[in-house]
Amino acid sequence: MRVTIRNRNIPKCPRIFDVIVDTEGNIIRYELQNIRGSVFVDMDDVRVQIQEALSKAS
């Protein structure tokens, strides 16, 4: 399952990258596009976003 990870700390919550996860929420692959500048998303927030996506899918 593909989950879009967004930076919720800035306005409009822009998409940062996508992750491919298994049914348990374990990250299998990161998919990035060209990104300008530095990007930081807290790993705890990434896990929360993955769990939210999994709960919506089920």
PDB file of N, CA and C in Angstrom:
ATOM      1  N   MET A   1       0.841  -1.173   0.000  1.00  0.00           N
ATOM      2  CA  MET A   1       0.000   0.000   0.000  1.00  0.00           C
ATOM      3  C   MET A   1       0.888   1.239   0.000  1.00  0.00           C
ATOM      4  N   ARG A   2       0.509   2.214  -0.814  1.00  0.00           N
ATOM      5  CA  ARG A   2       1.254   3.478  -0.883  1.00  0.00           C
ATOM      6  C   ARG A   2       0.636   4.473   0.093  1.00  0.00           C
ATOM      7  N   VAL A   3       1.487   5.101   0.912  1.00  0.00           N
ATOM      8  CA  VAL A   3       1.042   6.106   1.871  1.00  0.00           C
ATOM      9  C   VAL A   3       1.807   7.396   1.594  1.00  0.00           C
ATOM     10  N   THR A   4       1.079   8.477   1.417  1.00  0.00           N
ATOM     11  CA  THR A   4       1.699   9.784   1.211  1.00  0.00           C
ATOM     12  C   THR A   4       2.027  10.395   2.562  1.00  0.00           C
ATOM     13  N   ILE A   5       3.285  10.781   2.746  1.00  0.00           N
ATOM     14  CA  ILE A   5       3.733  11.409   3.986  1.00  0.00           C
ATOM     15  C   ILE A   5       3.780  12.914   3.759  1.00  0.00           C
ATOM     16  N   ARG A   6       3.140  13.642   4.649  1.00  0.00           N
ATOM     17  CA  ARG A   6       3.052  15.097   4.539  1.00  0.00           C
ATOM     18  C   ARG A   6       3.721  15.761   5.737  1.00  0.00           C
ATOM     19  N   ASN A   7       4.215  16.974   5.527  1.00  0.00           N
ATOM     20  CA  ASN A   7       4.782  17.759   6.620  1.00  0.00           C
ATOM     21  C   ASN A   7       3.646  18.541   7.251  1.00  0.00           C
ATOM     22  N   ARG A   8       3.155  18.080   8.380  1.00  0.00           N
ATOM     23  CA  ARG A   8       2.009  18.706   9.040  1.00  0.00           C
ATOM     24  C   ARG A   8       2.396  19.941   9.847  1.00  0.00           C
ATOM     25  N   ASN A   9       3.693  20.251   9.911  1.00  0.00           N
ATOM     26  CA  ASN A   9       4.158  21.390  10.706  1.00  0.00           C
ATOM     27  C   ASN A   9       4.151  22.703   9.946  1.00  0.00           C
ATOM     28  N   ILE A  10       3.866  22.669   8.640  1.00  0.00           N
ATOM     29  CA  ILE A  10       3.820  23.908   7.871  1.00  0.00           C
ATOM     30  C   ILE A  10       2.466  24.006   7.165  1.00  0.00           C
ATOM     31  N   PRO A  11       2.056  25.234   6.820  1.00  0.00           N
ATOM     32  CA  PRO A  11       0.745  25.424   6.186  1.00  0.00           C
ATOM     33  C   PRO A  11       0.589  24.594   4.911  1.00  0.00           C
ATOM     34  N   LYS A  12      -0.615  24.174   4.656  1.00  0.00           N
ATOM     35  CA  LYS A  12      -1.022  23.391   3.484  1.00  0.00           C
ATOM     36  C   LYS A  12      -0.513  21.955   3.505  1.00  0.00           C
ATOM     37  N   CYS A  13       0.251  21.562   4.507  1.00  0.00           N
ATOM     38  CA  CYS A  13       0.736  20.178   4.666  1.00  0.00           C
ATOM     39  C   CYS A  13       1.235  19.571   3.351  1.00  0.00           C
ATOM     40  N   PRO A  14       2.315  20.105   2.789  1.00  0.00           N
ATOM     41  CA  PRO A  14       2.765  19.600   1.487  1.00  0.00           C
ATOM     42  C   PRO A  14       3.254  18.156   1.555  1.00  0.00           C
ATOM     43  N   ARG A  15       3.093  17.468   0.439  1.00  0.00           N
ATOM     44  CA  ARG A  15       3.565  16.093   0.311  1.00  0.00           C
ATOM     45  C   ARG A  15       5.086  16.112   0.315  1.00  0.00           C
ATOM     46  N   ILE A  16       5.682  15.237   1.117  1.00  0.00           N
ATOM     47  CA  ILE A  16       7.135  15.160   1.201  1.00  0.00           C
ATOM     48  C   ILE A  16       7.645  13.958   0.411  1.00  0.00           C
ATOM     49  N   PHE A  17       7.073  12.797   0.676  1.00  0.00           N
ATOM     50  CA  PHE A  17       7.440  11.586  -0.043  1.00  0.00           C
ATOM     51  C   PHE A  17       6.354  10.551   0.165  1.00  0.00           C
ATOM     52  N   ASP A  18       6.463   9.450  -0.560  1.00  0.00           N
ATOM     53  CA  ASP A  18       5.546   8.330  -0.395  1.00  0.00           C
ATOM     54  C   ASP A  18       6.325   7.161   0.180  1.00  0.00           C
ATOM     55  N   VAL A  19       5.640   6.332   0.945  1.00  0.00           N
ATOM     56  CA  VAL A  19       6.234   5.088   1.412  1.00  0.00           C
ATOM     57  C   VAL A  19       5.330   3.948   0.980  1.00  0.00           C
ATOM     58  N   ILE A  20       5.937   2.828   0.693  1.00  0.00           N
ATOM     59  CA  ILE A  20       5.198   1.605   0.419  1.00  0.00           C
ATOM     60  C   ILE A  20       5.292   0.777   1.690  1.00  0.00           C
ATOM     61  N   VAL A  21       4.132   0.383   2.232  1.00  0.00           N
ATOM     62  CA  VAL A  21       4.100  -0.365   3.484  1.00  0.00           C
ATOM     63  C   VAL A  21       3.387  -1.692   3.286  1.00  0.00           C
ATOM     64  N   ASP A  22       3.721  -2.656   4.150  1.00  0.00           N
ATOM     65  CA  ASP A  22       2.998  -3.924   4.138  1.00  0.00           C
ATOM     66  C   ASP A  22       1.745  -3.788   4.993  1.00  0.00           C
ATOM     67  N   THR A  23       1.005  -4.864   5.168  1.00  0.00           N
ATOM     68  CA  THR A  23      -0.270  -4.808   5.893  1.00  0.00           C
ATOM     69  C   THR A  23      -0.097  -4.505   7.373  1.00  0.00           C
ATOM     70  N   GLU A  24       1.117  -4.669   7.901  1.00  0.00           N
ATOM     71  CA  GLU A  24       1.379  -4.374   9.311  1.00  0.00           C
ATOM     72  C   GLU A  24       1.916  -2.964   9.519  1.00  0.00           C
ATOM     73  N   GLY A  25       2.131  -2.223   8.438  1.00  0.00           N
ATOM     74  CA  GLY A  25       2.635  -0.859   8.545  1.00  0.00           C
ATOM     75  C   GLY A  25       4.142  -0.741   8.485  1.00  0.00           C
ATOM     76  N   ASN A  26       4.836  -1.831   8.185  1.00  0.00           N
ATOM     77  CA  ASN A  26       6.292  -1.784   8.060  1.00  0.00           C
ATOM     78  C   ASN A  26       6.661  -1.174   6.715  1.00  0.00           C
ATOM     79  N   ILE A  27       7.599  -0.240   6.736  1.00  0.00           N
ATOM     80  CA  ILE A  27       8.011   0.434   5.503  1.00  0.00           C
ATOM     81  C   ILE A  27       8.861  -0.515   4.671  1.00  0.00           C
ATOM     82  N   ILE A  28       8.436  -0.706   3.420  1.00  0.00           N
ATOM     83  CA  ILE A  28       9.166  -1.552   2.487  1.00  0.00           C
ATOM     84  C   ILE A  28      10.068  -0.697   1.603  1.00  0.00           C
ATOM     85  N   ARG A  29       9.551   0.455   1.162  1.00  0.00           N
ATOM     86  CA  ARG A  29      10.297   1.291   0.226  1.00  0.00           C
ATOM     87  C   ARG A  29       9.877   2.749   0.380  1.00  0.00           C
ATOM     88  N   TYR A  30      10.836   3.642   0.202  1.00  0.00           N
ATOM     89  CA  TYR A  30      10.575   5.086   0.155  1.00  0.00           C
ATOM     90  C   TYR A  30      10.579   5.505  -1.308  1.00  0.00           C
ATOM     91  N   GLU A  31       9.675   6.387  -1.692  1.00  0.00           N
ATOM     92  CA  GLU A  31       9.658   6.930  -3.046  1.00  0.00           C
ATOM     93  C   GLU A  31       9.717   8.445  -2.947  1.00  0.00           C
ATOM     94  N   LEU A  32      10.801   9.012  -3.461  1.00  0.00           N
ATOM     95  CA  LEU A  32      11.028  10.456  -3.392  1.00  0.00           C
ATOM     96  C   LEU A  32      10.980  11.052  -4.787  1.00  0.00           C
ATOM     97  N   GLN A  33      10.603  12.306  -4.866  1.00  0.00           N
ATOM     98  CA  GLN A  33      10.720  13.064  -6.097  1.00  0.00           C
ATOM     99  C   GLN A  33      11.800  14.110  -5.867  1.00  0.00           C
ATOM    100  N   ASN A  34      12.048  14.929  -6.873  1.00  0.00           N
ATOM    101  CA  ASN A  34      13.036  15.998  -6.707  1.00  0.00           C
ATOM    102  C   ASN A  34      12.578  16.941  -5.607  1.00  0.00           C
ATOM    103  N   ILE A  35      13.422  17.139  -4.613  1.00  0.00           N
ATOM    104  CA  ILE A  35      13.090  17.997  -3.479  1.00  0.00           C
ATOM    105  C   ILE A  35      14.143  19.091  -3.379  1.00  0.00           C
ATOM    106  N   ARG A  36      13.691  20.331  -3.282  1.00  0.00           N
ATOM    107  CA  ARG A  36      14.612  21.448  -3.083  1.00  0.00           C
ATOM    108  C   ARG A  36      14.756  21.708  -1.599  1.00  0.00           C
ATOM    109  N   GLY A  37      15.966  21.946  -1.168  1.00  0.00           N
ATOM    110  CA  GLY A  37      16.203  22.276   0.234  1.00  0.00           C
ATOM    111  C   GLY A  37      16.200  21.042   1.113  1.00  0.00           C
ATOM    112  N   SER A  38      16.155  21.272   2.398  1.00  0.00           N
ATOM    113  CA  SER A  38      16.175  20.160   3.341  1.00  0.00           C
ATOM    114  C   SER A  38      14.762  19.843   3.798  1.00  0.00           C
ATOM    115  N   VAL A  39      14.549  18.592   4.124  1.00  0.00           N
ATOM    116  CA  VAL A  39      13.228  18.122   4.535  1.00  0.00           C
ATOM    117  C   VAL A  39      13.386  17.319   5.807  1.00  0.00           C
ATOM    118  N   PHE A  40      12.495  17.560   6.762  1.00  0.00           N
ATOM    119  CA  PHE A  40      12.501  16.762   7.982  1.00  0.00           C
ATOM    120  C   PHE A  40      11.068  16.448   8.370  1.00  0.00           C
ATOM    121  N   VAL A  41      10.802  15.177   8.583  1.00  0.00           N
ATOM    122  CA  VAL A  41       9.525  14.735   9.131  1.00  0.00           C
ATOM    123  C   VAL A  41       9.864  13.770  10.252  1.00  0.00           C
ATOM    124  N   ASP A  42       9.346  14.033  11.434  1.00  0.00           N
ATOM    125  CA  ASP A  42       9.612  13.193  12.594  1.00  0.00           C
ATOM    126  C   ASP A  42       9.117  11.768  12.340  1.00  0.00           C
ATOM    127  N   MET A  43       9.915  10.769  12.679  1.00  0.00           N
ATOM    128  CA  MET A  43       9.548   9.375  12.434  1.00  0.00           C
ATOM    129  C   MET A  43       8.263   8.989  13.156  1.00  0.00           C
ATOM    130  N   ASP A  44       8.019   9.566  14.326  1.00  0.00           N
ATOM    131  CA  ASP A  44       6.756   9.280  15.025  1.00  0.00           C
ATOM    132  C   ASP A  44       5.562   9.754  14.204  1.00  0.00           C
ATOM    133  N   ASP A  45       5.697  10.918  13.558  1.00  0.00           N
ATOM    134  CA  ASP A  45       4.618  11.427  12.713  1.00  0.00           C
ATOM    135  C   ASP A  45       4.435  10.542  11.487  1.00  0.00           C
ATOM    136  N   VAL A  46       5.529  10.025  10.936  1.00  0.00           N
ATOM    137  CA  VAL A  46       5.436   9.099   9.804  1.00  0.00           C
ATOM    138  C   VAL A  46       4.643   7.861  10.216  1.00  0.00           C
ATOM    139  N   ARG A  47       4.942   7.305  11.372  1.00  0.00           N
ATOM    140  CA  ARG A  47       4.215   6.119  11.847  1.00  0.00           C
ATOM    141  C   ARG A  47       2.730   6.415  12.058  1.00  0.00           C
ATOM    142  N   VAL A  48       2.425   7.587  12.606  1.00  0.00           N
ATOM    143  CA  VAL A  48       1.023   7.975  12.810  1.00  0.00           C
ATOM    144  C   VAL A  48       0.302   8.065  11.467  1.00  0.00           C
ATOM    145  N   GLN A  49       0.937   8.685  10.478  1.00  0.00           N
ATOM    146  CA  GLN A  49       0.310   8.818   9.164  1.00  0.00           C
ATOM    147  C   GLN A  49       0.106   7.457   8.506  1.00  0.00           C
ATOM    148  N   ILE A  50       1.049   6.537   8.687  1.00  0.00           N
ATOM    149  CA  ILE A  50       0.901   5.187   8.138  1.00  0.00           C
ATOM    150  C   ILE A  50      -0.269   4.476   8.805  1.00  0.00           C
ATOM    151  N   GLN A  51      -0.363   4.547  10.126  1.00  0.00           N
ATOM    152  CA  GLN A  51      -1.463   3.893  10.837  1.00  0.00           C
ATOM    153  C   GLN A  51      -2.816   4.495  10.444  1.00  0.00           C
ATOM    154  N   GLU A  52      -2.870   5.811  10.251  1.00  0.00           N
ATOM    155  CA  GLU A  52      -4.110   6.446   9.810  1.00  0.00           C
ATOM    156  C   GLU A  52      -4.525   5.923   8.441  1.00  0.00           C
ATOM    157  N   ALA A  53      -3.560   5.787   7.528  1.00  0.00           N
ATOM    158  CA  ALA A  53      -3.867   5.287   6.184  1.00  0.00           C
ATOM    159  C   ALA A  53      -4.326   3.834   6.231  1.00  0.00           C
ATOM    160  N   LEU A  54      -3.683   3.019   7.062  1.00  0.00           N
ATOM    161  CA  LEU A  54      -4.080   1.617   7.180  1.00  0.00           C
ATOM    162  C   LEU A  54      -5.484   1.490   7.759  1.00  0.00           C
ATOM    163  N   SER A  55      -5.821   2.326   8.728  1.00  0.00           N
ATOM    164  CA  SER A  55      -7.157   2.240   9.327  1.00  0.00           C
ATOM    165  C   SER A  55      -8.234   2.703   8.348  1.00  0.00           C
ATOM    166  N   LYS A  56      -7.921   3.673   7.483  1.00  0.00           N
ATOM    167  CA  LYS A  56      -8.881   4.107   6.468  1.00  0.00           C
ATOM    168  C   LYS A  56      -9.089   3.031   5.409  1.00  0.00           C
ATOM    169  N   ALA A  57      -8.022   2.275   5.108  1.00  0.00           N
ATOM    170  CA  ALA A  57      -8.095   1.252   4.063  1.00  0.00           C
ATOM    171  C   ALA A  57      -8.877   0.022   4.507  1.00  0.00           C
ATOM    172  N   SER A  58      -8.962  -0.208   5.805  1.00  0.00           N
ATOM    173  CA  SER A  58      -9.643  -1.430   6.265  1.00  0.00           C
ATOM    174  C   SER A  58     -11.089  -1.197   6.602  1.00  0.00           C
TER     175      SER A  58
END
